[in-house]
Structure formats: structure tokens, C-alpha cells
PDB file of all heavy atoms in Angstrom:
ATOM      1  N   LEU A   1      30.375 -87.718  14.563  1.00  0.00           N
ATOM      2  CA  LEU A   1      31.620 -87.959  13.851  1.00  0.00           C
ATOM      3  C   LEU A   1      32.294 -89.251  14.294  1.00  0.00           C
ATOM      4  O   LEU A   1      32.224 -89.639  15.460  1.00  0.00           O
ATOM      5  CB  LEU A   1      32.572 -86.785  14.050  1.00  0.00           C
ATOM      6  CG  LEU A   1      32.244 -85.549  13.208  1.00  0.00           C
ATOM      7  CD1 LEU A   1      32.901 -84.312  13.780  1.00  0.00           C
ATOM      8  CD2 LEU A   1      32.682 -85.768  11.760  1.00  0.00           C
ATOM      9  N   LYS A   2      32.950 -89.883  13.343  1.00  0.00           N
ATOM     10  CA  LYS A   2      33.631 -91.142  13.563  1.00  0.00           C
ATOM     11  C   LYS A   2      35.134 -90.963  13.398  1.00  0.00           C
ATOM     12  O   LYS A   2      35.574 -90.111  12.631  1.00  0.00           O
ATOM     13  CB  LYS A   2      33.125 -92.193  12.569  1.00  0.00           C
ATOM     14  CG  LYS A   2      31.619 -92.396  12.585  1.00  0.00           C
ATOM     15  CD  LYS A   2      31.186 -93.335  11.474  1.00  0.00           C
ATOM     16  CE  LYS A   2      29.691 -93.511  11.456  1.00  0.00           C
ATOM     17  NZ  LYS A   2      29.260 -94.407  10.357  1.00  0.00           N
ATOM     18  N   PRO A   3      35.932 -91.773  14.077  1.00  0.00           N
ATOM     19  CA  PRO A   3      37.388 -91.643  13.953  1.00  0.00           C
ATOM     20  C   PRO A   3      37.886 -91.765  12.519  1.00  0.00           C
ATOM     21  O   PRO A   3      38.847 -91.078  12.137  1.00  0.00           O
ATOM     22  CB  PRO A   3      37.920 -92.790  14.820  1.00  0.00           C
ATOM     23  CG  PRO A   3      36.861 -92.999  15.842  1.00  0.00           C
ATOM     24  CD  PRO A   3      35.560 -92.754  15.107  1.00  0.00           C
ATOM     25  N   GLU A   4      37.266 -92.614  11.732  1.00  0.00           N
ATOM     26  CA  GLU A   4      37.691 -92.792  10.353  1.00  0.00           C
ATOM     27  C   GLU A   4      37.411 -91.586   9.474  1.00  0.00           C
ATOM     28  O   GLU A   4      37.838 -91.545   8.317  1.00  0.00           O
ATOM     29  CB  GLU A   4      37.046 -94.051   9.744  1.00  0.00           C
ATOM     30  CG  GLU A   4      35.522 -94.040   9.744  1.00  0.00           C
ATOM     31  CD  GLU A   4      34.936 -94.769  10.938  1.00  0.00           C
ATOM     32  OE1 GLU A   4      35.549 -94.703  12.027  1.00  0.00           O
ATOM     33  OE2 GLU A   4      33.884 -95.405  10.789  1.00  0.00           O
ATOM     34  N   GLU A   5      36.716 -90.611  10.021  1.00  0.00           N
ATOM     35  CA  GLU A   5      36.441 -89.391   9.280  1.00  0.00           C
ATOM     36  C   GLU A   5      37.472 -88.304   9.558  1.00  0.00           C
ATOM     37  O   GLU A   5      37.307 -87.160   9.112  1.00  0.00           O
ATOM     38  CB  GLU A   5      35.026 -88.907   9.579  1.00  0.00           C
ATOM     39  CG  GLU A   5      33.980 -89.870   9.032  1.00  0.00           C
ATOM     40  CD  GLU A   5      32.557 -89.524   9.392  1.00  0.00           C
ATOM     41  OE1 GLU A   5      32.301 -89.158  10.560  1.00  0.00           O
ATOM     42  OE2 GLU A   5      31.690 -89.618   8.497  1.00  0.00           O
ATOM     43  N   THR A   6      38.505 -88.664  10.285  1.00  0.00           N
ATOM     44  CA  THR A   6      39.635 -87.770  10.453  1.00  0.00           C
ATOM     45  C   THR A   6      40.269 -87.508   9.093  1.00  0.00           C
ATOM     46  O   THR A   6      40.648 -88.430   8.385  1.00  0.00           O
ATOM     47  CB  THR A   6      40.670 -88.374  11.404  1.00  0.00           C
ATOM     48  OG1 THR A   6      40.122 -88.463  12.717  1.00  0.00           O
ATOM     49  CG2 THR A   6      41.930 -87.522  11.451  1.00  0.00           C
ATOM     50  N   ALA A   7      40.369 -86.258   8.733  1.00  0.00           N
ATOM     51  CA  ALA A   7      40.873 -85.899   7.414  1.00  0.00           C
ATOM     52  C   ALA A   7      41.009 -84.391   7.315  1.00  0.00           C
ATOM     53  O   ALA A   7      40.557 -83.654   8.187  1.00  0.00           O
ATOM     54  CB  ALA A   7      39.923 -86.410   6.327  1.00  0.00           C
ATOM     55  N   VAL A   8      41.637 -83.966   6.248  1.00  0.00           N
ATOM     56  CA  VAL A   8      41.614 -82.560   5.894  1.00  0.00           C
ATOM     57  C   VAL A   8      40.384 -82.334   5.034  1.00  0.00           C
ATOM     58  O   VAL A   8      40.183 -83.030   4.032  1.00  0.00           O
ATOM     59  CB  VAL A   8      42.883 -82.128   5.138  1.00  0.00           C
ATOM     60  CG1 VAL A   8      42.782 -80.668   4.722  1.00  0.00           C
ATOM     61  CG2 VAL A   8      44.111 -82.348   6.004  1.00  0.00           C
ATOM     62  N   TYR A   9      39.575 -81.394   5.423  1.00  0.00           N
ATOM     63  CA  TYR A   9      38.353 -81.099   4.705  1.00  0.00           C
ATOM     64  C   TYR A   9      38.550 -79.855   3.856  1.00  0.00           C
ATOM     65  O   TYR A   9      38.995 -78.811   4.346  1.00  0.00           O
ATOM     66  CB  TYR A   9      37.200 -80.900   5.684  1.00  0.00           C
ATOM     67  CG  TYR A   9      36.685 -82.197   6.261  1.00  0.00           C
ATOM     68  CD1 TYR A   9      37.470 -82.949   7.130  1.00  0.00           C
ATOM     69  CD2 TYR A   9      35.423 -82.684   5.920  1.00  0.00           C
ATOM     70  CE1 TYR A   9      37.024 -84.149   7.641  1.00  0.00           C
ATOM     71  CE2 TYR A   9      34.962 -83.883   6.439  1.00  0.00           C
ATOM     72  CZ  TYR A   9      35.770 -84.613   7.299  1.00  0.00           C
ATOM     73  OH  TYR A   9      35.310 -85.809   7.812  1.00  0.00           O
ATOM     74  N   PHE A  10      38.220 -79.987   2.594  1.00  0.00           N
ATOM     75  CA  PHE A  10      38.435 -78.922   1.629  1.00  0.00           C
ATOM     76  C   PHE A  10      37.115 -78.377   1.106  1.00  0.00           C
ATOM     77  O   PHE A  10      36.198 -79.135   0.789  1.00  0.00           O
ATOM     78  CB  PHE A  10      39.248 -79.420   0.430  1.00  0.00           C
ATOM     79  CG  PHE A  10      40.641 -79.859   0.763  1.00  0.00           C
ATOM     80  CD1 PHE A  10      40.917 -81.175   1.077  1.00  0.00           C
ATOM     81  CD2 PHE A  10      41.681 -78.942   0.753  1.00  0.00           C
ATOM     82  CE1 PHE A  10      42.199 -81.588   1.375  1.00  0.00           C
ATOM     83  CE2 PHE A  10      42.976 -79.339   1.049  1.00  0.00           C
ATOM     84  CZ  PHE A  10      43.234 -80.665   1.366  1.00  0.00           C
ATOM     85  N   CYS A  11      37.060 -77.090   1.005  1.00  0.00           N
ATOM     86  CA  CYS A  11      35.942 -76.433   0.350  1.00  0.00           C
ATOM     87  C   CYS A  11      36.220 -76.366  -1.147  1.00  0.00           C
ATOM     88  O   CYS A  11      37.356 -76.122  -1.570  1.00  0.00           O
ATOM     89  CB  CYS A  11      35.756 -75.029   0.920  1.00  0.00           C
ATOM     90  SG  CYS A  11      34.390 -74.095   0.205  1.00  0.00           S
ATOM     91  N   ASN A  12      35.199 -76.591  -1.929  1.00  0.00           N
ATOM     92  CA  ASN A  12      35.347 -76.596  -3.377  1.00  0.00           C
ATOM     93  C   ASN A  12      34.289 -75.728  -4.030  1.00  0.00           C
ATOM     94  O   ASN A  12      33.131 -75.715  -3.603  1.00  0.00           O
ATOM     95  CB  ASN A  12      35.248 -78.029  -3.908  1.00  0.00           C
ATOM     96  CG  ASN A  12      35.180 -78.087  -5.426  1.00  0.00           C
ATOM     97  OD1 ASN A  12      34.135 -78.362  -6.007  1.00  0.00           O
ATOM     98  ND2 ASN A  12      36.318 -77.842  -6.071  1.00  0.00           N
ATOM     99  N   ALA A  13      34.696 -75.023  -5.042  1.00  0.00           N
ATOM    100  CA  ALA A  13      33.777 -74.249  -5.863  1.00  0.00           C
ATOM    101  C   ALA A  13      34.065 -74.555  -7.319  1.00  0.00           C
ATOM    102  O   ALA A  13      35.195 -74.416  -7.774  1.00  0.00           O
ATOM    103  CB  ALA A  13      33.931 -72.756  -5.596  1.00  0.00           C
ATOM    104  N   ARG A  14      33.053 -74.986  -8.019  1.00  0.00           N
ATOM    105  CA  ARG A  14      33.210 -75.303  -9.435  1.00  0.00           C
ATOM    106  C   ARG A  14      32.124 -74.605 -10.224  1.00  0.00           C
ATOM    107  O   ARG A  14      30.934 -74.772  -9.932  1.00  0.00           O
ATOM    108  CB  ARG A  14      33.163 -76.815  -9.665  1.00  0.00           C
ATOM    109  CG  ARG A  14      33.332 -77.220 -11.126  1.00  0.00           C
ATOM    110  CD  ARG A  14      33.531 -78.724 -11.259  1.00  0.00           C
ATOM    111  NE  ARG A  14      32.380 -79.471 -10.762  1.00  0.00           N
ATOM    112  CZ  ARG A  14      31.286 -79.713 -11.468  1.00  0.00           C
ATOM    113  NH1 ARG A  14      31.180 -79.266 -12.713  1.00  0.00           N
ATOM    114  NH2 ARG A  14      30.290 -80.401 -10.932  1.00  0.00           N
ATOM    115  N   LEU A  15      32.556 -73.858 -11.211  1.00  0.00           N
ATOM    116  CA  LEU A  15      31.604 -73.156 -12.051  1.00  0.00           C
ATOM    117  C   LEU A  15      30.707 -74.161 -12.750  1.00  0.00           C
ATOM    118  O   LEU A  15      31.181 -75.149 -13.320  1.00  0.00           O
ATOM    119  CB  LEU A  15      32.336 -72.296 -13.077  1.00  0.00           C
ATOM    120  CG  LEU A  15      31.472 -71.445 -14.000  1.00  0.00           C
ATOM    121  CD1 LEU A  15      30.738 -70.377 -13.208  1.00  0.00           C
ATOM    122  CD2 LEU A  15      32.339 -70.808 -15.086  1.00  0.00           C
ATOM    123  N   LEU A  16      29.441 -73.929 -12.681  1.00  0.00           N
ATOM    124  CA  LEU A  16      28.480 -74.825 -13.308  1.00  0.00           C
ATOM    125  C   LEU A  16      28.821 -75.019 -14.779  1.00  0.00           C
ATOM    126  O   LEU A  16      28.986 -74.058 -15.521  1.00  0.00           O
ATOM    127  CB  LEU A  16      27.067 -74.261 -13.158  1.00  0.00           C
ATOM    128  CG  LEU A  16      25.913 -75.145 -13.608  1.00  0.00           C
ATOM    129  CD1 LEU A  16      25.865 -76.418 -12.776  1.00  0.00           C
ATOM    130  CD2 LEU A  16      24.598 -74.387 -13.497  1.00  0.00           C
ATOM    131  N   GLY A  17      28.965 -76.273 -15.178  1.00  0.00           N
ATOM    132  CA  GLY A  17      29.317 -76.596 -16.540  1.00  0.00           C
ATOM    133  C   GLY A  17      30.795 -76.809 -16.780  1.00  0.00           C
ATOM    134  O   GLY A  17      31.181 -77.244 -17.870  1.00  0.00           O
ATOM    135  N   SER A  18      31.621 -76.512 -15.792  1.00  0.00           N
ATOM    136  CA  SER A  18      33.063 -76.697 -15.920  1.00  0.00           C
ATOM    137  C   SER A  18      33.472 -78.039 -15.340  1.00  0.00           C
ATOM    138  O   SER A  18      32.974 -78.437 -14.287  1.00  0.00           O
ATOM    139  CB  SER A  18      33.813 -75.580 -15.201  1.00  0.00           C
ATOM    140  OG  SER A  18      33.515 -74.325 -15.770  1.00  0.00           O
ATOM    141  N   PRO A  19      34.393 -78.737 -15.981  1.00  0.00           N
ATOM    142  CA  PRO A  19      34.829 -80.043 -15.475  1.00  0.00           C
ATOM    143  C   PRO A  19      35.774 -79.906 -14.299  1.00  0.00           C
ATOM    144  O   PRO A  19      36.406 -78.867 -14.099  1.00  0.00           O
ATOM    145  CB  PRO A  19      35.539 -80.657 -16.683  1.00  0.00           C
ATOM    146  CG  PRO A  19      36.084 -79.480 -17.420  1.00  0.00           C
ATOM    147  CD  PRO A  19      35.042 -78.406 -17.265  1.00  0.00           C
ATOM    148  N   SER A  20      35.871 -80.977 -13.526  1.00  0.00           N
ATOM    149  CA  SER A  20      36.816 -81.010 -12.427  1.00  0.00           C
ATOM    150  C   SER A  20      38.231 -80.850 -12.961  1.00  0.00           C
ATOM    151  O   SER A  20      38.579 -81.406 -13.999  1.00  0.00           O
ATOM    152  CB  SER A  20      36.690 -82.325 -11.652  1.00  0.00           C
ATOM    153  OG  SER A  20      35.410 -82.454 -11.073  1.00  0.00           O
ATOM    154  N   GLY A  21      39.039 -80.099 -12.250  1.00  0.00           N
ATOM    155  CA  GLY A  21      40.410 -79.878 -12.662  1.00  0.00           C
ATOM    156  C   GLY A  21      40.599 -78.727 -13.621  1.00  0.00           C
ATOM    157  O   GLY A  21      41.730 -78.413 -14.000  1.00  0.00           O
ATOM    158  N   SER A  22      39.526 -78.100 -14.022  1.00  0.00           N
ATOM    159  CA  SER A  22      39.621 -76.960 -14.917  1.00  0.00           C
ATOM    160  C   SER A  22      40.035 -75.719 -14.144  1.00  0.00           C
ATOM    161  O   SER A  22      40.150 -75.719 -12.920  1.00  0.00           O
ATOM    162  CB  SER A  22      38.292 -76.733 -15.627  1.00  0.00           C
ATOM    163  OG  SER A  22      37.324 -76.205 -14.730  1.00  0.00           O
ATOM    164  N   LEU A  23      40.247 -74.636 -14.868  1.00  0.00           N
ATOM    165  CA  LEU A  23      40.603 -73.374 -14.230  1.00  0.00           C
ATOM    166  C   LEU A  23      39.450 -72.794 -13.432  1.00  0.00           C
ATOM    167  O   LEU A  23      39.657 -71.886 -12.625  1.00  0.00           O
ATOM    168  CB  LEU A  23      41.076 -72.368 -15.276  1.00  0.00           C
ATOM    169  CG  LEU A  23      42.383 -72.698 -15.993  1.00  0.00           C
ATOM    170  CD1 LEU A  23      42.690 -71.651 -17.047  1.00  0.00           C
ATOM    171  CD2 LEU A  23      43.519 -72.803 -14.993  1.00  0.00           C
ATOM    172  N   ASP A  24      38.262 -73.323 -13.638  1.00  0.00           N
ATOM    173  CA  ASP A  24      37.093 -72.874 -12.900  1.00  0.00           C
ATOM    174  C   ASP A  24      36.686 -73.872 -11.828  1.00  0.00           C
ATOM    175  O   ASP A  24      35.520 -73.948 -11.439  1.00  0.00           O
ATOM    176  CB  ASP A  24      35.932 -72.616 -13.857  1.00  0.00           C
ATOM    177  CG  ASP A  24      36.177 -71.414 -14.743  1.00  0.00           C
ATOM    178  OD1 ASP A  24      36.649 -70.384 -14.223  1.00  0.00           O
ATOM    179  OD2 ASP A  24      35.895 -71.497 -15.953  1.00  0.00           O
ATOM    180  N   ASP A  25      37.633 -74.636 -11.362  1.00  0.00           N
ATOM    181  CA  ASP A  25      37.465 -75.580 -10.269  1.00  0.00           C
ATOM    182  C   ASP A  25      38.431 -75.152  -9.167  1.00  0.00           C
ATOM    183  O   ASP A  25      39.644 -75.321  -9.297  1.00  0.00           O
ATOM    184  CB  ASP A  25      37.751 -77.002 -10.739  1.00  0.00           C
ATOM    185  CG  ASP A  25      37.416 -78.047  -9.694  1.00  0.00           C
ATOM    186  OD1 ASP A  25      36.736 -77.716  -8.700  1.00  0.00           O
ATOM    187  OD2 ASP A  25      37.837 -79.214  -9.870  1.00  0.00           O
ATOM    188  N   TYR A  26      37.887 -74.601  -8.084  1.00  0.00           N
ATOM    189  CA  TYR A  26      38.715 -73.980  -7.062  1.00  0.00           C
ATOM    190  C   TYR A  26      38.662 -74.734  -5.744  1.00  0.00           C
ATOM    191  O   TYR A  26      37.647 -75.344  -5.398  1.00  0.00           O
ATOM    192  CB  TYR A  26      38.270 -72.530  -6.829  1.00  0.00           C
ATOM    193  CG  TYR A  26      38.328 -71.671  -8.063  1.00  0.00           C
ATOM    194  CD1 TYR A  26      37.209 -71.508  -8.870  1.00  0.00           C
ATOM    195  CD2 TYR A  26      39.504 -71.021  -8.424  1.00  0.00           C
ATOM    196  CE1 TYR A  26      37.252 -70.724 -10.010  1.00  0.00           C
ATOM    197  CE2 TYR A  26      39.557 -70.236  -9.559  1.00  0.00           C
ATOM    198  CZ  TYR A  26      38.431 -70.084 -10.351  1.00  0.00           C
ATOM    199  OH  TYR A  26      38.487 -69.303 -11.478  1.00  0.00           O
ATOM    200  N   TRP A  27      39.753 -74.632  -5.000  1.00  0.00           N
ATOM    201  CA  TRP A  27      39.869 -75.320  -3.730  1.00  0.00           C
ATOM    202  C   TRP A  27      40.437 -74.392  -2.668  1.00  0.00           C
ATOM    203  O   TRP A  27      41.299 -73.550  -2.940  1.00  0.00           O
ATOM    204  CB  TRP A  27      40.783 -76.541  -3.850  1.00  0.00           C
ATOM    205  CG  TRP A  27      40.254 -77.578  -4.785  1.00  0.00           C
ATOM    206  CD1 TRP A  27      40.483 -77.663  -6.117  1.00  0.00           C
ATOM    207  CD2 TRP A  27      39.399 -78.670  -4.449  1.00  0.00           C
ATOM    208  NE1 TRP A  27      39.819 -78.747  -6.646  1.00  0.00           N
ATOM    209  CE2 TRP A  27      39.153 -79.376  -5.653  1.00  0.00           C
ATOM    210  CE3 TRP A  27      38.823 -79.117  -3.260  1.00  0.00           C
ATOM    211  CZ2 TRP A  27      38.345 -80.513  -5.685  1.00  0.00           C
ATOM    212  CZ3 TRP A  27      38.018 -80.247  -3.291  1.00  0.00           C
ATOM    213  CH2 TRP A  27      37.794 -80.927  -4.496  1.00  0.00           C
ATOM    214  N   GLY A  28      39.954 -74.566  -1.452  1.00  0.00           N
ATOM    215  CA  GLY A  28      40.529 -73.867  -0.331  1.00  0.00           C
ATOM    216  C   GLY A  28      41.760 -74.591   0.173  1.00  0.00           C
ATOM    217  O   GLY A  28      42.158 -75.636  -0.349  1.00  0.00           O
ATOM    218  N   GLN A  29      42.372 -74.051   1.199  1.00  0.00           N
ATOM    219  CA  GLN A  29      43.581 -74.654   1.750  1.00  0.00           C
ATOM    220  C   GLN A  29      43.298 -75.879   2.598  1.00  0.00           C
ATOM    221  O   GLN A  29      44.203 -76.665   2.868  1.00  0.00           O
ATOM    222  CB  GLN A  29      44.350 -73.628   2.581  1.00  0.00           C
ATOM    223  CG  GLN A  29      43.611 -73.179   3.837  1.00  0.00           C
ATOM    224  CD  GLN A  29      44.425 -72.227   4.687  1.00  0.00           C
ATOM    225  OE1 GLN A  29      45.578 -71.925   4.381  1.00  0.00           O
ATOM    226  NE2 GLN A  29      43.828 -71.758   5.769  1.00  0.00           N
ATOM    227  N   GLY A  30      42.082 -76.034   3.035  1.00  0.00           N
ATOM    228  CA  GLY A  30      41.697 -77.163   3.851  1.00  0.00           C
ATOM    229  C   GLY A  30      41.731 -76.848   5.332  1.00  0.00           C
ATOM    230  O   GLY A  30      42.470 -75.980   5.783  1.00  0.00           O
ATOM    231  N   THR A  31      40.923 -77.568   6.069  1.00  0.00           N
ATOM    232  CA  THR A  31      40.907 -77.447   7.519  1.00  0.00           C
ATOM    233  C   THR A  31      40.914 -78.844   8.121  1.00  0.00           C
ATOM    234  O   THR A  31      40.194 -79.730   7.667  1.00  0.00           O
ATOM    235  CB  THR A  31      39.684 -76.628   7.995  1.00  0.00           C
ATOM    236  OG1 THR A  31      39.743 -76.456   9.415  1.00  0.00           O
ATOM    237  CG2 THR A  31      38.373 -77.301   7.622  1.00  0.00           C
ATOM    238  N   GLN A  32      41.749 -79.032   9.119  1.00  0.00           N
ATOM    239  CA  GLN A  32      41.934 -80.354   9.704  1.00  0.00           C
ATOM    240  C   GLN A  32      40.810 -80.696  10.661  1.00  0.00           C
ATOM    241  O   GLN A  32      40.476 -79.919  11.554  1.00  0.00           O
ATOM    242  CB  GLN A  32      43.272 -80.429  10.447  1.00  0.00           C
ATOM    243  CG  GLN A  32      43.530 -81.756  11.151  1.00  0.00           C
ATOM    244  CD  GLN A  32      43.769 -82.894  10.188  1.00  0.00           C
ATOM    245  OE1 GLN A  32      44.528 -82.734   9.223  1.00  0.00           O
ATOM    246  NE2 GLN A  32      43.130 -84.032  10.438  1.00  0.00           N
ATOM    247  N   VAL A  33      40.252 -81.866  10.471  1.00  0.00           N
ATOM    248  CA  VAL A  33      39.265 -82.417  11.388  1.00  0.00           C
ATOM    249  C   VAL A  33      39.837 -83.702  11.954  1.00  0.00           C
ATOM    250  O   VAL A  33      40.181 -84.615  11.208  1.00  0.00           O
ATOM    251  CB  VAL A  33      37.921 -82.696  10.691  1.00  0.00           C
ATOM    252  CG1 VAL A  33      36.982 -83.469  11.619  1.00  0.00           C
ATOM    253  CG2 VAL A  33      37.280 -81.396  10.243  1.00  0.00           C
ATOM    254  N   THR A  34      39.951 -83.762  13.256  1.00  0.00           N
ATOM    255  CA  THR A  34      40.469 -84.939  13.918  1.00  0.00           C
ATOM    256  C   THR A  34      39.429 -85.464  14.900  1.00  0.00           C
ATOM    257  O   THR A  34      38.968 -84.724  15.775  1.00  0.00           O
ATOM    258  CB  THR A  34      41.770 -84.638  14.671  1.00  0.00           C
ATOM    259  OG1 THR A  34      42.744 -84.121  13.760  1.00  0.00           O
ATOM    260  CG2 THR A  34      42.318 -85.896  15.323  1.00  0.00           C
ATOM    261  N   VAL A  35      39.071 -86.720  14.734  1.00  0.00           N
ATOM    262  CA  VAL A  35      38.090 -87.355  15.597  1.00  0.00           C
ATOM    263  C   VAL A  35      38.805 -88.420  16.408  1.00  0.00           C
ATOM    264  O   VAL A  35      39.270 -89.422  15.858  1.00  0.00           O
ATOM    265  CB  VAL A  35      36.941 -87.975  14.789  1.00  0.00           C
ATOM    266  CG1 VAL A  35      35.870 -88.517  15.731  1.00  0.00           C
ATOM    267  CG2 VAL A  35      36.349 -86.946  13.835  1.00  0.00           C
ATOM    268  N   SER A  36      38.898 -88.212  17.681  1.00  0.00           N
ATOM    269  CA  SER A  36      39.599 -89.142  18.551  1.00  0.00           C
ATOM    270  C   SER A  36      38.666 -90.233  19.041  1.00  0.00           C
ATOM    271  O   SER A  36      37.457 -90.023  19.198  1.00  0.00           O
ATOM    272  CB  SER A  36      40.210 -88.406  19.740  1.00  0.00           C
ATOM    273  OG  SER A  36      39.209 -87.808  20.541  1.00  0.00           O
TER     274      SER A  36
END
């Protein structure tokens, strides 16, 4: 891991065939990754 990769990492689930931002595009709350 590199310091520039410090970010909130989100899990995503998208129903096959559904566009991003649709009701079938889901996101988790995110988990913080900090690289010092």
C-alpha cells in the first residue's frame, strides 16, 4: 500500500445489466484505509 491510496473504500454491488446510479446499484457505508 502507498500513502496516496489513503481513502474510504466502498463495496459496490450492481445488478448485471443495470446502469450505475440505478436502484440496482448499491453501496456500503465504506471503510477507512489510511496508509502512513
